[in-house]
Amino acid sequence: MRLGLLVATAFVPLVLWAALPLVSEGATPGHAGRVSDTLDRKRKALERNRDRDRVLTTDMSALHRRIGRLQRTIGTLQRRLRAFQADLDR
């Protein structure tokens, strides 16, 4: 009995909430079409931004690898410079 009452008290407001757009004035077919068009435009814009994000992530990864190679080259050159300087100091 209590379970049925609990289900009914949860289910009735949910059904009323779901049916509300059907009887509201804002749910006209023209309005729904405009909302759908706006959502489509926003989805497309979001997908373009995601595509751009992927490109930028790829670019950043390539730059990160290049920075790593340059840092290793700098380290090698600094070691060689110290060795040459040590030879000159003798």
C-alpha atoms as a PDB file:
ATOM      1  CA  MET A   1       0.000   0.000   0.000  1.00  0.00           C
ATOM      2  CA  ARG A   2       2.728   2.466   0.959  1.00  0.00           C
ATOM      3  CA  LEU A   3       4.780   1.581  -2.111  1.00  0.00           C
ATOM      4  CA  GLY A   4       1.779   2.254  -4.363  1.00  0.00           C
ATOM      5  CA  LEU A   5       1.214   5.609  -2.697  1.00  0.00           C
ATOM      6  CA  LEU A   6       4.883   6.490  -3.063  1.00  0.00           C
ATOM      7  CA  VAL A   7       4.860   5.566  -6.740  1.00  0.00           C
ATOM      8  CA  ALA A   8       1.652   7.549  -7.311  1.00  0.00           C
ATOM      9  CA  THR A   9       2.985  10.657  -5.580  1.00  0.00           C
ATOM     10  CA  ALA A  10       6.154  10.492  -7.666  1.00  0.00           C
ATOM     11  CA  PHE A  11       4.450   9.515 -10.923  1.00  0.00           C
ATOM     12  CA  VAL A  12       1.548  11.994 -11.005  1.00  0.00           C
ATOM     13  CA  PRO A  13       3.698  15.156 -10.835  1.00  0.00           C
ATOM     14  CA  LEU A  14       6.032  13.673 -13.405  1.00  0.00           C
ATOM     15  CA  VAL A  15       3.149  13.035 -15.824  1.00  0.00           C
ATOM     16  CA  LEU A  16       1.779  16.547 -15.252  1.00  0.00           C
ATOM     17  CA  TRP A  17       5.214  18.071 -15.793  1.00  0.00           C
ATOM     18  CA  ALA A  18       5.677  16.088 -19.020  1.00  0.00           C
ATOM     19  CA  ALA A  19       2.215  17.086 -20.304  1.00  0.00           C
ATOM     20  CA  LEU A  20       2.647  20.780 -19.515  1.00  0.00           C
ATOM     21  CA  PRO A  21       4.365  21.684 -22.812  1.00  0.00           C
ATOM     22  CA  LEU A  22       1.500  20.068 -24.718  1.00  0.00           C
ATOM     23  CA  VAL A  23      -1.049  22.508 -23.351  1.00  0.00           C
ATOM     24  CA  SER A  24       1.110  25.599 -23.004  1.00  0.00           C
ATOM     25  CA  GLU A  25       0.944  28.406 -25.537  1.00  0.00           C
ATOM     26  CA  GLY A  26       4.701  28.268 -26.070  1.00  0.00           C
ATOM     27  CA  ALA A  27       4.459  24.850 -27.682  1.00  0.00           C
ATOM     28  CA  THR A  28       3.190  26.097 -31.023  1.00  0.00           C
ATOM     29  CA  PRO A  29       4.545  24.261 -34.075  1.00  0.00           C
ATOM     30  CA  GLY A  30       6.313  27.403 -35.328  1.00  0.00           C
ATOM     31  CA  HIS A  31       7.972  27.961 -31.991  1.00  0.00           C
ATOM     32  CA  ALA A  32       9.033  24.330 -31.763  1.00  0.00           C
ATOM     33  CA  GLY A  33      10.537  24.593 -35.252  1.00  0.00           C
ATOM     34  CA  ARG A  34      12.492  27.710 -34.321  1.00  0.00           C
ATOM     35  CA  VAL A  35      13.760  26.078 -31.169  1.00  0.00           C
ATOM     36  CA  SER A  36      14.764  23.008 -33.154  1.00  0.00           C
ATOM     37  CA  ASP A  37      16.575  25.172 -35.727  1.00  0.00           C
ATOM     38  CA  THR A  38      18.375  27.054 -32.969  1.00  0.00           C
ATOM     39  CA  LEU A  39      19.410  23.786 -31.340  1.00  0.00           C
ATOM     40  CA  ASP A  40      20.698  22.483 -34.679  1.00  0.00           C
ATOM     41  CA  ARG A  41      22.759  25.636 -35.209  1.00  0.00           C
ATOM     42  CA  LYS A  42      24.179  25.402 -31.705  1.00  0.00           C
ATOM     43  CA  ARG A  43      25.033  21.718 -32.175  1.00  0.00           C
ATOM     44  CA  LYS A  44      26.832  22.494 -35.438  1.00  0.00           C
ATOM     45  CA  ALA A  45      28.733  25.356 -33.796  1.00  0.00           C
ATOM     46  CA  LEU A  46      29.676  23.073 -30.916  1.00  0.00           C
ATOM     47  CA  GLU A  47      30.921  20.415 -33.340  1.00  0.00           C
ATOM     48  CA  ARG A  48      33.015  23.014 -35.193  1.00  0.00           C
ATOM     49  CA  ASN A  49      34.527  24.079 -31.880  1.00  0.00           C
ATOM     50  CA  ARG A  50      35.263  20.451 -30.999  1.00  0.00           C
ATOM     51  CA  ASP A  51      36.942  19.958 -34.377  1.00  0.00           C
ATOM     52  CA  ARG A  52      39.033  23.073 -33.792  1.00  0.00           C
ATOM     53  CA  ASP A  53      39.877  21.831 -30.313  1.00  0.00           C
ATOM     54  CA  ARG A  54      41.161  18.562 -31.790  1.00  0.00           C
ATOM     55  CA  VAL A  55      43.336  20.467 -34.265  1.00  0.00           C
ATOM     56  CA  LEU A  56      44.722  22.700 -31.528  1.00  0.00           C
ATOM     57  CA  THR A  57      45.429  19.693 -29.325  1.00  0.00           C
ATOM     58  CA  THR A  58      47.327  18.050 -32.179  1.00  0.00           C
ATOM     59  CA  ASP A  59      49.265  21.273 -32.805  1.00  0.00           C
ATOM     60  CA  MET A  60      50.098  21.592 -29.121  1.00  0.00           C
ATOM     61  CA  SER A  61      51.345  18.003 -28.973  1.00  0.00           C
ATOM     62  CA  ALA A  62      53.597  18.597 -31.976  1.00  0.00           C
ATOM     63  CA  LEU A  63      54.963  21.792 -30.411  1.00  0.00           C
ATOM     64  CA  HIS A  64      55.534  19.999 -27.106  1.00  0.00           C
ATOM     65  CA  ARG A  65      57.575  17.308 -28.891  1.00  0.00           C
ATOM     66  CA  ARG A  66      59.549  19.982 -30.760  1.00  0.00           C
ATOM     67  CA  ILE A  67      60.284  21.850 -27.522  1.00  0.00           C
ATOM     68  CA  GLY A  68      61.543  18.591 -25.997  1.00  0.00           C
ATOM     69  CA  ARG A  69      63.882  17.994 -28.938  1.00  0.00           C
ATOM     70  CA  LEU A  70      65.173  21.575 -28.757  1.00  0.00           C
ATOM     71  CA  GLN A  71      65.806  21.272 -25.014  1.00  0.00           C
ATOM     72  CA  ARG A  72      67.792  18.081 -25.584  1.00  0.00           C
ATOM     73  CA  THR A  73      69.792  19.799 -28.342  1.00  0.00           C
ATOM     74  CA  ILE A  74      70.491  22.759 -26.049  1.00  0.00           C
ATOM     75  CA  GLY A  75      71.665  20.397 -23.314  1.00  0.00           C
ATOM     76  CA  THR A  76      74.003  18.629 -25.748  1.00  0.00           C
ATOM     77  CA  LEU A  77      75.409  21.936 -27.015  1.00  0.00           C
ATOM     78  CA  GLN A  78      75.942  23.218 -23.466  1.00  0.00           C
ATOM     79  CA  ARG A  79      77.884  20.062 -22.565  1.00  0.00           C
ATOM     80  CA  ARG A  80      80.041  20.441 -25.680  1.00  0.00           C
ATOM     81  CA  LEU A  81      80.611  24.127 -24.873  1.00  0.00           C
ATOM     82  CA  ARG A  82      81.751  23.258 -21.344  1.00  0.00           C
ATOM     83  CA  ALA A  83      84.118  20.647 -22.747  1.00  0.00           C
ATOM     84  CA  PHE A  84      85.585  23.117 -25.250  1.00  0.00           C
ATOM     85  CA  GLN A  85      85.902  25.765 -22.563  1.00  0.00           C
ATOM     86  CA  ALA A  86      87.690  23.296 -20.298  1.00  0.00           C
ATOM     87  CA  ASP A  87      90.163  22.543 -23.138  1.00  0.00           C
ATOM     88  CA  LEU A  88      90.775  26.266 -23.663  1.00  0.00           C
ATOM     89  CA  ASP A  89      91.280  26.883 -19.962  1.00  0.00           C
ATOM     90  CA  ARG A  90      94.128  24.335 -19.806  1.00  0.00           C
END
